[in-house]
């Protein structure tokens, strides 16, 4: 799901080395690449000996359709996310971390959608010359980090729920997530550092192509490992929570609904993240990024998967009618009129 800079650099090297002409400045590379040791290293989605063949000129109608379709799609998705965020904040004052995390995650998804709107409004491939190429790369990569932050938060809560379900305080306010929070902070910080480092090196060390190739490769590997780790985490904790909830002495009908929802959620999340990895890997080895039509197909598939992942998260976090009953129980619990099995109900409504 990340830009394949390595392929672009190798492609540029092969194209340039076969030419009897050489560059002297970045201007010789049409300002769509960098002149390093008299060789043009083209940006992604650009070809030619002097980076004078942006891919969009070969697939202009398809490129425009790609921009407009996804721009409209993410605008509509943003409006729906705003509506869901508004509904989610109705539950904030009940002082339960499940509601607060859902509110935060809705805001994170909203941020992702806004970034994608800017991305498609501006210059998706960075070949139109409207904005610096580095800015386009940032608009592509950073939202992916934002999206998976939302998935990490959801996984953090699942893990905290399982490990600390017995540590609910007597007032029923929070689940403690101390055991899982450090993992989230470390992994999220590493990913964020990669995003910042990529932009900084693109600006300050554009002439050191070896370092940029190594950074791009490291980034791609880290993203793939992170996705696999999140996938594995959901599969593991989904199974553990299923087993724990099944053993609770709670209402059978409520438990049945919760188990069904948990099972479906675990399967969908695990499968969707796994499927999200496949196009990047397959298209990488097929060298799709080297040709205009291949680049258009790859971009369309990747952005479609992003859309599906967002819809999936919104479905998982959508306020259910059953939550209203949970809130009613919470009010009784706070007033000292605790119904039997309140902790068990809290466990059922945490997912």
Protein backbone atom coordinates (compact mmCIF):
# COMPACT_ATOMS: atom_id res chain seq x y z
CA UNK A 1 0.00 0.00 0.00
CA UNK A 2 3.06 2.28 -0.20
CA UNK A 3 4.76 4.07 -3.09
CA UNK A 4 7.16 1.87 -4.99
CA UNK A 5 10.08 4.28 -5.25
CA UNK A 6 12.61 1.49 -5.75
CA UNK A 7 11.06 0.42 -9.03
CA UNK A 8 10.92 4.00 -10.31
CA UNK A 9 14.58 4.59 -9.50
CA UNK A 10 15.71 1.37 -11.17
CA UNK A 11 13.56 2.13 -14.20
CA UNK A 12 15.03 5.61 -14.49
CA UNK A 13 18.56 4.26 -14.22
CA UNK A 14 17.99 1.75 -17.03
CA UNK A 15 16.36 4.33 -19.27
CA UNK A 16 19.02 6.94 -18.67
CA UNK A 17 22.00 4.62 -18.95
CA UNK A 18 20.83 3.53 -22.40
CA UNK A 19 20.91 7.12 -23.62
CA UNK A 20 23.87 8.88 -25.15
CA UNK A 21 22.69 12.13 -23.59
CA UNK A 22 23.28 13.20 -20.03
CA UNK A 23 21.75 15.72 -17.65
CA UNK A 24 23.53 18.54 -15.90
CA UNK A 25 20.79 20.01 -13.70
CA UNK A 26 17.36 19.12 -12.40
CA UNK A 27 15.92 21.26 -15.19
CA UNK A 28 17.27 18.73 -17.67
CA UNK A 29 15.06 16.15 -15.93
CA UNK A 30 11.95 18.24 -16.65
CA UNK A 31 11.67 19.05 -12.93
CA UNK A 32 10.08 15.63 -12.50
CA UNK A 33 13.21 13.99 -11.15
CA UNK A 34 16.75 14.68 -9.98
CA UNK A 35 20.00 14.80 -11.90
CA UNK A 36 22.59 12.75 -10.03
CA UNK A 37 25.98 12.10 -11.63
CA UNK A 38 24.59 13.13 -15.03
CA UNK A 39 21.73 10.62 -14.82
CA UNK A 40 18.05 11.50 -14.42
CA UNK A 41 16.32 9.68 -11.58
CA UNK A 42 12.63 10.16 -12.30
CA UNK A 43 9.85 10.49 -9.79
CA UNK A 44 7.28 7.76 -9.56
CA UNK A 45 4.65 7.74 -12.34
CA UNK A 46 7.14 9.40 -14.70
CA UNK A 47 9.22 7.81 -17.46
CA UNK A 48 11.53 8.79 -20.29
CA UNK A 49 15.25 9.48 -20.52
CA UNK A 50 14.76 13.00 -19.21
CA UNK A 51 11.63 12.35 -17.12
CA UNK A 52 9.57 13.99 -19.85
CA UNK A 53 6.87 11.33 -20.08
CA UNK A 54 4.45 11.57 -17.13
CA UNK A 55 2.15 8.58 -17.04
CA UNK A 56 -1.05 10.61 -16.98
CA UNK A 57 -0.60 11.77 -20.59
CA UNK A 58 -1.01 8.17 -21.76
CA UNK A 59 -4.10 7.43 -19.69
CA UNK A 60 -5.57 10.92 -19.38
CA UNK A 61 -9.25 9.99 -19.55
CA UNK A 62 -8.76 7.08 -17.15
CA UNK A 63 -6.65 9.24 -14.85
CA UNK A 64 -9.32 11.96 -14.71
CA UNK A 65 -12.05 9.40 -14.07
CA UNK A 66 -9.88 7.88 -11.32
CA UNK A 67 -9.47 11.28 -9.64
CA UNK A 68 -13.11 12.31 -9.86
CA UNK A 69 -14.58 8.97 -8.77
CA UNK A 70 -12.40 8.69 -5.68
CA UNK A 71 -12.73 12.38 -4.86
CA UNK A 72 -16.54 12.13 -4.83
CA UNK A 73 -16.37 8.80 -2.98
CA UNK A 74 -14.25 10.19 -0.16
CA UNK A 75 -16.33 13.37 0.07
CA UNK A 76 -19.44 11.26 0.63
CA UNK A 77 -17.54 9.05 3.06
CA UNK A 78 -16.41 12.15 4.95
CA UNK A 79 -19.98 13.40 5.31
CA UNK A 80 -21.09 10.01 6.64
CA UNK A 81 -18.12 9.92 9.03
CA UNK A 82 -19.03 13.36 10.36
CA UNK A 83 -22.55 12.09 11.05
CA UNK A 84 -21.24 8.99 12.84
CA UNK A 85 -18.77 11.10 14.82
CA UNK A 86 -21.59 13.36 15.96
CA UNK A 87 -23.60 10.34 17.14
CA UNK A 88 -20.55 8.84 18.80
CA UNK A 89 -19.90 11.95 20.91
CA UNK A 90 -23.33 11.58 22.49
CA UNK A 91 -21.82 8.76 24.57
CA UNK A 92 -18.62 10.57 25.63
CA UNK A 93 -19.91 11.75 29.01
CA UNK A 94 -20.71 8.23 30.19
CA UNK A 95 -17.03 7.88 31.20
CA UNK A 96 -16.51 4.47 29.62
CA UNK A 97 -13.38 3.98 27.58
CA UNK A 98 -15.25 2.00 24.92
CA UNK A 99 -17.25 5.13 24.01
CA UNK A 100 -14.25 7.44 24.19
CA UNK A 101 -12.11 5.21 21.99
CA UNK A 102 -14.90 5.06 19.43
CA UNK A 103 -15.11 8.85 19.42
CA UNK A 104 -11.36 9.17 18.98
CA UNK A 105 -11.35 6.58 16.22
CA UNK A 106 -14.13 8.40 14.38
CA UNK A 107 -12.00 11.56 14.49
CA UNK A 108 -9.00 9.63 13.18
CA UNK A 109 -11.05 8.24 10.28
CA UNK A 110 -12.35 11.73 9.57
CA UNK A 111 -8.77 12.99 9.40
CA UNK A 112 -7.89 10.20 6.96
CA UNK A 113 -10.82 11.07 4.69
CA UNK A 114 -9.89 14.77 4.69
CA UNK A 115 -6.32 13.90 3.71
CA UNK A 116 -7.60 11.74 0.87
CA UNK A 117 -9.87 14.54 -0.38
CA UNK A 118 -6.87 16.88 -0.49
CA UNK A 119 -4.80 14.17 -2.20
CA UNK A 120 -7.28 13.64 -5.04
CA UNK A 121 -8.06 17.35 -5.34
CA UNK A 122 -4.42 18.33 -5.72
CA UNK A 123 -2.23 16.03 -7.81
CA UNK A 124 -2.53 12.30 -7.00
CA UNK A 125 0.51 11.18 -8.98
CA UNK A 126 2.58 14.33 -8.57
CA UNK A 127 2.92 14.65 -12.35
CA UNK A 128 0.79 17.74 -13.04
CA UNK A 129 3.36 20.09 -11.53
CA UNK A 130 0.86 21.85 -9.26
CA UNK A 131 2.65 21.05 -6.01
CA UNK A 132 6.09 19.75 -5.00
CA UNK A 133 6.50 16.01 -5.48
CA UNK A 134 7.47 15.56 -1.82
CA UNK A 135 4.14 17.09 -0.77
CA UNK A 136 2.27 14.61 -2.97
CA UNK A 137 4.20 11.70 -1.47
CA UNK A 138 3.35 12.94 2.02
CA UNK A 139 -0.34 13.17 1.12
CA UNK A 140 -0.17 9.59 -0.10
CA UNK A 141 1.78 7.92 2.71
CA UNK A 142 0.74 9.80 5.85
CA UNK A 143 -3.01 9.00 5.58
CA UNK A 144 -2.16 5.29 5.46
CA UNK A 145 -0.42 5.75 8.80
CA UNK A 146 -3.50 7.58 10.11
CA UNK A 147 -5.85 4.80 8.96
CA UNK A 148 -3.87 2.02 10.59
CA UNK A 149 -3.60 4.08 13.78
CA UNK A 150 -7.37 3.63 14.04
CA UNK A 151 -6.97 -0.14 13.64
CA UNK A 152 -4.19 -0.16 16.23
CA UNK A 153 -6.42 1.66 18.72
CA UNK A 154 -9.20 -0.86 18.17
CA UNK A 155 -6.78 -3.74 18.68
CA UNK A 156 -5.38 -2.00 21.78
CA UNK A 157 -8.84 -1.94 23.31
CA UNK A 158 -9.53 -5.57 22.48
CA UNK A 159 -6.25 -6.62 24.08
CA UNK A 160 -6.84 -4.44 27.13
CA UNK A 161 -10.35 -5.81 27.51
CA UNK A 162 -9.12 -9.39 27.52
CA UNK A 163 -6.12 -8.92 29.82
CA UNK A 164 -7.78 -6.64 32.34
CA UNK A 165 -11.47 -7.45 32.33
CA UNK A 166 -11.24 -8.40 36.02
CA UNK A 167 -9.68 -5.05 36.88
CA UNK A 168 -12.80 -2.97 36.37
CA UNK A 169 -12.90 -0.58 39.28
CA UNK A 170 -15.84 -0.59 41.63
CA UNK A 171 -17.36 2.42 39.92
CA UNK A 172 -17.29 0.77 36.53
CA UNK A 173 -15.47 3.54 34.72
CA UNK A 174 -12.51 2.19 32.77
CA UNK A 175 -10.72 -0.83 31.51
CA UNK A 176 -7.01 -0.49 32.12
CA UNK A 177 -4.81 -0.96 29.04
CA UNK A 178 -1.39 -0.54 30.64
CA UNK A 179 -0.11 -3.86 29.29
CA UNK A 180 -0.95 -3.08 25.67
CA UNK A 181 -0.44 0.70 25.55
CA UNK A 182 3.41 0.55 25.29
CA UNK A 183 3.17 -1.73 22.25
CA UNK A 184 0.83 0.72 20.55
CA UNK A 185 3.03 3.73 21.38
CA UNK A 186 6.23 2.07 20.14
CA UNK A 187 4.83 0.69 16.88
CA UNK A 188 2.91 3.87 16.12
CA UNK A 189 5.94 6.06 16.85
CA UNK A 190 8.15 3.99 14.52
CA UNK A 191 5.65 4.31 11.68
CA UNK A 192 5.30 8.06 12.28
CA UNK A 193 9.10 8.43 12.33
CA UNK A 194 9.31 6.68 8.97
CA UNK A 195 6.80 9.12 7.47
CA UNK A 196 8.71 12.15 8.76
CA UNK A 197 12.11 10.72 7.80
CA UNK A 198 10.98 9.98 4.25
CA UNK A 199 9.90 13.58 3.70
CA UNK A 200 13.04 15.04 5.30
CA UNK A 201 15.41 12.85 3.27
CA UNK A 202 13.52 13.56 0.05
CA UNK A 203 14.13 17.26 0.62
CA UNK A 204 17.67 17.20 2.02
CA UNK A 205 19.27 14.10 0.46
CA UNK A 206 17.57 13.78 -2.92
CA UNK A 207 21.02 13.28 -4.51
CA UNK A 208 21.73 10.22 -2.34
CA UNK A 209 19.64 7.71 -4.27
CA UNK A 210 21.16 4.74 -2.45
CA UNK A 211 19.91 6.03 0.90
CA UNK A 212 16.45 6.74 -0.53
CA UNK A 213 16.20 3.25 -1.99
CA UNK A 214 17.23 1.72 1.34
CA UNK A 215 14.74 3.90 3.23
CA UNK A 216 11.92 3.04 0.82
CA UNK A 217 12.65 -0.67 1.10
CA UNK A 218 12.80 -0.48 4.92
CA UNK A 219 9.54 1.46 4.99
CA UNK A 220 7.74 -1.05 2.76
CA UNK A 221 8.97 -3.96 4.88
CA UNK A 222 7.89 -2.24 8.10
CA UNK A 223 4.42 -1.47 6.73
CA UNK A 224 3.99 -5.08 5.61
CA UNK A 225 5.13 -6.41 9.00
CA UNK A 226 2.85 -3.95 10.83
CA UNK A 227 -0.15 -5.04 8.76
CA UNK A 228 0.61 -8.69 9.45
CA UNK A 229 1.03 -7.93 13.16
CA UNK A 230 -2.34 -6.16 13.31
CA UNK A 231 -3.96 -9.01 11.39
CA UNK A 232 -2.47 -11.58 13.77
CA UNK A 233 -3.47 -9.51 16.79
CA UNK A 234 -7.11 -9.34 15.75
CA UNK A 235 -7.18 -13.07 15.03
CA UNK A 236 -5.64 -13.93 18.42
CA UNK A 237 -7.59 -11.55 20.64
CA UNK A 238 -10.80 -12.11 18.70
CA UNK A 239 -10.50 -15.82 19.49
CA UNK A 240 -9.58 -15.18 23.13
CA UNK A 241 -12.47 -12.77 23.65
CA UNK A 242 -14.85 -15.21 21.98
CA UNK A 243 -13.80 -17.92 24.41
CA UNK A 244 -14.05 -15.63 27.43
CA UNK A 245 -17.44 -14.18 26.53
CA UNK A 246 -18.80 -17.65 25.82
CA UNK A 247 -17.98 -18.67 29.40
CA UNK A 248 -19.74 -15.66 30.98
CA UNK A 249 -22.91 -16.40 33.00
CA UNK A 250 -24.82 -13.71 31.13
CA UNK A 251 -28.11 -13.54 29.27
CA UNK A 252 -27.98 -16.18 26.51
CA UNK A 253 -29.61 -14.05 23.84
CA UNK A 254 -27.30 -11.08 24.47
CA UNK A 255 -24.30 -13.37 24.59
CA UNK A 256 -25.32 -15.01 21.33
CA UNK A 257 -25.59 -11.64 19.56
CA UNK A 258 -22.26 -10.49 20.95
CA UNK A 259 -20.47 -13.70 19.96
CA UNK A 260 -21.89 -13.52 16.44
CA UNK A 261 -20.83 -9.90 16.05
CA UNK A 262 -17.38 -10.61 17.48
CA UNK A 263 -16.86 -13.60 15.20
CA UNK A 264 -17.93 -11.71 12.08
CA UNK A 265 -15.80 -8.69 13.02
CA UNK A 266 -12.70 -10.81 13.65
CA UNK A 267 -13.00 -12.66 10.36
CA UNK A 268 -13.73 -9.54 8.29
CA UNK A 269 -10.88 -7.50 9.80
CA UNK A 270 -8.32 -10.29 9.48
CA UNK A 271 -9.29 -11.16 5.91
CA UNK A 272 -9.52 -7.55 4.71
CA UNK A 273 -6.10 -6.59 6.06
CA UNK A 274 -4.59 -9.72 4.52
CA UNK A 275 -6.23 -8.98 1.17
CA UNK A 276 -4.97 -5.41 1.42
CA UNK A 277 -1.39 -6.68 1.38
CA UNK A 278 -1.76 -8.86 -1.70
CA UNK A 279 -2.03 -6.17 -4.44
CA UNK A 280 1.10 -4.33 -3.30
CA UNK A 281 3.13 -7.54 -3.27
CA UNK A 282 1.74 -8.94 -6.53
CA UNK A 283 1.97 -5.65 -8.44
CA UNK A 284 5.51 -5.17 -7.14
CA UNK A 285 6.75 -8.43 -8.67
CA UNK A 286 4.73 -7.87 -11.86
CA UNK A 287 6.33 -4.42 -12.26
CA UNK A 288 2.93 -2.80 -12.75
CA UNK A 289 4.25 0.57 -11.61
CA UNK A 290 6.52 0.74 -14.66
CA UNK A 291 3.69 1.25 -17.17
CA UNK A 292 0.91 3.88 -17.20
CA UNK A 293 -2.04 1.45 -17.35
CA UNK A 294 -0.50 -0.72 -14.67
CA UNK A 295 0.01 2.30 -12.42
CA UNK A 296 -3.61 3.34 -12.91
CA UNK A 297 -4.90 -0.15 -12.10
CA UNK A 298 -2.67 -0.41 -9.04
CA UNK A 299 -3.67 3.00 -7.70
CA UNK A 300 -7.36 2.23 -8.22
CA UNK A 301 -7.13 -1.12 -6.43
CA UNK A 302 -5.17 0.30 -3.49
CA UNK A 303 -7.53 3.24 -2.97
CA UNK A 304 -10.54 0.93 -3.26
CA UNK A 305 -9.09 -1.23 -0.50
CA UNK A 306 -8.57 1.89 1.64
CA UNK A 307 -12.22 2.77 1.14
CA UNK A 308 -13.28 -0.73 2.17
CA UNK A 309 -11.11 -0.61 5.30
CA UNK A 310 -12.70 2.70 6.34
CA UNK A 311 -16.23 1.39 5.78
CA UNK A 312 -15.30 -1.68 7.78
CA UNK A 313 -14.11 0.42 10.72
CA UNK A 314 -17.24 2.56 10.61
CA UNK A 315 -19.35 -0.60 10.71
CA UNK A 316 -17.44 -1.96 13.70
CA UNK A 317 -17.77 1.31 15.62
CA UNK A 318 -21.33 2.13 14.61
CA UNK A 319 -23.48 2.76 17.72
CA UNK A 320 -25.89 -0.13 18.15
CA UNK A 321 -29.35 -0.04 19.68
CA UNK A 322 -28.14 -2.48 22.30
CA UNK A 323 -25.74 0.17 23.57
CA UNK A 324 -28.69 2.22 24.79
CA UNK A 325 -29.61 -0.61 27.16
CA UNK A 326 -25.99 -0.71 28.30
CA UNK A 327 -26.14 3.02 29.04
CA UNK A 328 -29.33 2.53 31.04
CA UNK A 329 -27.56 -0.14 33.10
CA UNK A 330 -24.61 2.21 33.53
CA UNK A 331 -26.85 4.90 35.01
CA UNK A 332 -28.29 2.43 37.49
CA UNK A 333 -24.79 1.25 38.32
CA UNK A 334 -23.60 4.81 39.02
CA UNK A 335 -26.64 5.45 41.24
CA UNK A 336 -25.90 2.39 43.36
CA UNK A 337 -28.76 0.33 41.91
CA UNK A 338 -26.48 -2.26 40.29
CA UNK A 339 -28.28 -5.10 38.52
CA UNK A 340 -26.86 -8.58 38.88
CA UNK A 341 -24.13 -9.37 36.43
CA UNK A 342 -23.39 -5.73 35.55
CA UNK A 343 -19.73 -6.53 34.96
CA UNK A 344 -20.73 -9.31 32.59
CA UNK A 345 -22.97 -6.94 30.63
CA UNK A 346 -20.11 -4.48 30.46
CA UNK A 347 -18.00 -7.20 28.92
CA UNK A 348 -20.70 -7.94 26.35
CA UNK A 349 -21.05 -4.33 25.25
CA UNK A 350 -17.32 -3.59 25.03
CA UNK A 351 -17.01 -5.11 21.55
